């Protein structure tokens, strides 16, 4: 399964949205496989997300401005929420490590 990549402009527009603009949000858990804090991008291997109709997969997500990616690293198990913006982009709007 492949997913379209966001252009730099598209990602900039998504990251500029205030948190309250999200139309839908769904909880999930997974494992961090990569973090690029400078680009506000995290790659997660997550289980199914029934609220979104998604199967388990590994994918890169942009993150909301309030998400501090310096608090997570590859190998961490995390709980997070995936938000769908009004424009149809999915991004992480909250994340925390779990034991």
C-alpha atoms as a PDB file:
ATOM      1  CA  UNK A   1       0.000   0.000   0.000  1.00  0.00           C
ATOM      2  CA  UNK A   2       1.436   3.392  -0.869  1.00  0.00           C
ATOM      3  CA  UNK A   3       0.516   6.816   0.362  1.00  0.00           C
ATOM      4  CA  UNK A   4       1.023  10.160  -1.333  1.00  0.00           C
ATOM      5  CA  UNK A   5       3.809  12.292   0.073  1.00  0.00           C
ATOM      6  CA  UNK A   6       3.068  15.794   1.228  1.00  0.00           C
ATOM      7  CA  UNK A   7       4.896  18.556  -0.575  1.00  0.00           C
ATOM      8  CA  UNK A   8       6.844  20.983   1.579  1.00  0.00           C
ATOM      9  CA  UNK A   9       4.119  23.574   1.003  1.00  0.00           C
ATOM     10  CA  UNK A  10       1.343  21.103   1.841  1.00  0.00           C
ATOM     11  CA  UNK A  11       3.104  20.026   5.020  1.00  0.00           C
ATOM     12  CA  UNK A  12       3.672  23.676   5.964  1.00  0.00           C
ATOM     13  CA  UNK A  13      -0.024  24.408   5.557  1.00  0.00           C
ATOM     14  CA  UNK A  14      -1.018  21.387   7.649  1.00  0.00           C
ATOM     15  CA  UNK A  15       1.409  22.292  10.418  1.00  0.00           C
ATOM     16  CA  UNK A  16       0.080  25.838  10.495  1.00  0.00           C
ATOM     17  CA  UNK A  17      -3.451  24.728  11.354  1.00  0.00           C
ATOM     18  CA  UNK A  18      -4.557  25.285  14.933  1.00  0.00           C
ATOM     19  CA  UNK A  19      -5.369  22.130  16.913  1.00  0.00           C
ATOM     20  CA  UNK A  20      -9.044  23.052  17.091  1.00  0.00           C
ATOM     21  CA  UNK A  21      -9.356  22.859  13.313  1.00  0.00           C
ATOM     22  CA  UNK A  22      -9.179  19.060  13.320  1.00  0.00           C
ATOM     23  CA  UNK A  23     -12.420  17.483  12.177  1.00  0.00           C
ATOM     24  CA  UNK A  24     -11.738  13.942  13.430  1.00  0.00           C
ATOM     25  CA  UNK A  25      -9.268  12.314  15.833  1.00  0.00           C
ATOM     26  CA  UNK A  26      -8.636   8.650  16.632  1.00  0.00           C
ATOM     27  CA  UNK A  27      -6.531   6.978  19.361  1.00  0.00           C
ATOM     28  CA  UNK A  28      -3.900   4.381  18.491  1.00  0.00           C
ATOM     29  CA  UNK A  29      -0.731   2.692  19.742  1.00  0.00           C
ATOM     30  CA  UNK A  30       2.433   1.741  17.960  1.00  0.00           C
ATOM     31  CA  UNK A  31       6.208   1.698  17.840  1.00  0.00           C
ATOM     32  CA  UNK A  32       8.358   4.594  16.677  1.00  0.00           C
ATOM     33  CA  UNK A  33      10.581   3.524  13.778  1.00  0.00           C
ATOM     34  CA  UNK A  34      12.050   6.944  12.896  1.00  0.00           C
ATOM     35  CA  UNK A  35      11.898  10.568  14.046  1.00  0.00           C
ATOM     36  CA  UNK A  36      12.820  13.728  12.135  1.00  0.00           C
ATOM     37  CA  UNK A  37      12.123  16.458  14.678  1.00  0.00           C
ATOM     38  CA  UNK A  38      13.521  19.156  12.359  1.00  0.00           C
ATOM     39  CA  UNK A  39      10.827  18.323   9.773  1.00  0.00           C
ATOM     40  CA  UNK A  40       8.110  17.507  12.366  1.00  0.00           C
ATOM     41  CA  UNK A  41       7.755  13.993  10.938  1.00  0.00           C
ATOM     42  CA  UNK A  42       7.531  10.671  12.773  1.00  0.00           C
ATOM     43  CA  UNK A  43       7.325   7.171  11.320  1.00  0.00           C
ATOM     44  CA  UNK A  44       5.187   4.726  13.284  1.00  0.00           C
ATOM     45  CA  UNK A  45       4.448   1.039  12.983  1.00  0.00           C
ATOM     46  CA  UNK A  46       0.912   0.963  14.370  1.00  0.00           C
ATOM     47  CA  UNK A  47      -1.819  -1.553  14.944  1.00  0.00           C
ATOM     48  CA  UNK A  48      -5.238  -1.296  13.305  1.00  0.00           C
ATOM     49  CA  UNK A  49      -7.064   1.997  13.826  1.00  0.00           C
ATOM     50  CA  UNK A  50     -10.741   0.969  13.631  1.00  0.00           C
ATOM     51  CA  UNK A  51     -12.066   4.528  13.953  1.00  0.00           C
ATOM     52  CA  UNK A  52     -10.355   5.355  10.645  1.00  0.00           C
ATOM     53  CA  UNK A  53     -10.849   1.961   9.020  1.00  0.00           C
ATOM     54  CA  UNK A  54      -7.066   1.506   8.765  1.00  0.00           C
ATOM     55  CA  UNK A  55      -5.261  -1.844   9.016  1.00  0.00           C
ATOM     56  CA  UNK A  56      -1.956  -2.218  10.844  1.00  0.00           C
ATOM     57  CA  UNK A  57       0.862  -0.572   8.851  1.00  0.00           C
ATOM     58  CA  UNK A  58       4.016   1.488   9.035  1.00  0.00           C
ATOM     59  CA  UNK A  59       3.780   5.062   7.814  1.00  0.00           C
ATOM     60  CA  UNK A  60       5.210   8.542   8.235  1.00  0.00           C
ATOM     61  CA  UNK A  61       3.052  11.261   9.761  1.00  0.00           C
ATOM     62  CA  UNK A  62       3.428  15.003  10.012  1.00  0.00           C
ATOM     63  CA  UNK A  63       2.794  16.356  13.502  1.00  0.00           C
ATOM     64  CA  UNK A  64       0.828  19.236  14.957  1.00  0.00           C
ATOM     65  CA  UNK A  65       2.904  22.168  16.263  1.00  0.00           C
ATOM     66  CA  UNK A  66       2.213  21.209  19.906  1.00  0.00           C
ATOM     67  CA  UNK A  67       3.804  17.747  19.492  1.00  0.00           C
ATOM     68  CA  UNK A  68       7.371  17.611  20.878  1.00  0.00           C
ATOM     69  CA  UNK A  69       9.213  14.933  18.898  1.00  0.00           C
ATOM     70  CA  UNK A  70      12.309  15.396  21.053  1.00  0.00           C
ATOM     71  CA  UNK A  71      10.496  13.336  23.724  1.00  0.00           C
ATOM     72  CA  UNK A  72      10.343  10.156  21.618  1.00  0.00           C
ATOM     73  CA  UNK A  73      12.922   8.028  19.835  1.00  0.00           C
ATOM     74  CA  UNK A  74      13.057   5.010  17.534  1.00  0.00           C
ATOM     75  CA  UNK A  75      12.046   1.883  19.448  1.00  0.00           C
ATOM     76  CA  UNK A  76       9.673   3.660  21.865  1.00  0.00           C
ATOM     77  CA  UNK A  77       6.173   2.244  22.294  1.00  0.00           C
ATOM     78  CA  UNK A  78       3.717   5.133  22.106  1.00  0.00           C
ATOM     79  CA  UNK A  79       0.055   6.022  22.461  1.00  0.00           C
ATOM     80  CA  UNK A  80      -1.017   8.732  20.041  1.00  0.00           C
ATOM     81  CA  UNK A  81      -3.981  10.321  18.356  1.00  0.00           C
ATOM     82  CA  UNK A  82      -4.304  10.762  14.620  1.00  0.00           C
ATOM     83  CA  UNK A  83      -6.219  13.852  13.567  1.00  0.00           C
ATOM     84  CA  UNK A  84      -7.853  14.458  10.212  1.00  0.00           C
ATOM     85  CA  UNK A  85      -7.745  18.071   9.133  1.00  0.00           C
ATOM     86  CA  UNK A  86     -10.625  19.653   7.202  1.00  0.00           C
ATOM     87  CA  UNK A  87      -8.410  19.394   4.097  1.00  0.00           C
ATOM     88  CA  UNK A  88      -8.186  15.614   4.529  1.00  0.00           C
ATOM     89  CA  UNK A  89      -4.606  15.307   5.810  1.00  0.00           C
ATOM     90  CA  UNK A  90      -3.842  12.968   8.721  1.00  0.00           C
ATOM     91  CA  UNK A  91      -1.315  13.995  11.334  1.00  0.00           C
ATOM     92  CA  UNK A  92      -0.343  13.223  14.907  1.00  0.00           C
ATOM     93  CA  UNK A  93      -1.848  15.742  17.322  1.00  0.00           C
ATOM     94  CA  UNK A  94      -0.753  14.061  20.604  1.00  0.00           C
ATOM     95  CA  UNK A  95       1.799  11.405  21.520  1.00  0.00           C
ATOM     96  CA  UNK A  96       3.268   9.913  24.695  1.00  0.00           C
ATOM     97  CA  UNK A  97       5.480   6.984  25.509  1.00  0.00           C
ATOM     98  CA  UNK A  98       3.973   3.985  27.271  1.00  0.00           C
ATOM     99  CA  UNK A  99       5.667   1.202  29.185  1.00  0.00           C
END
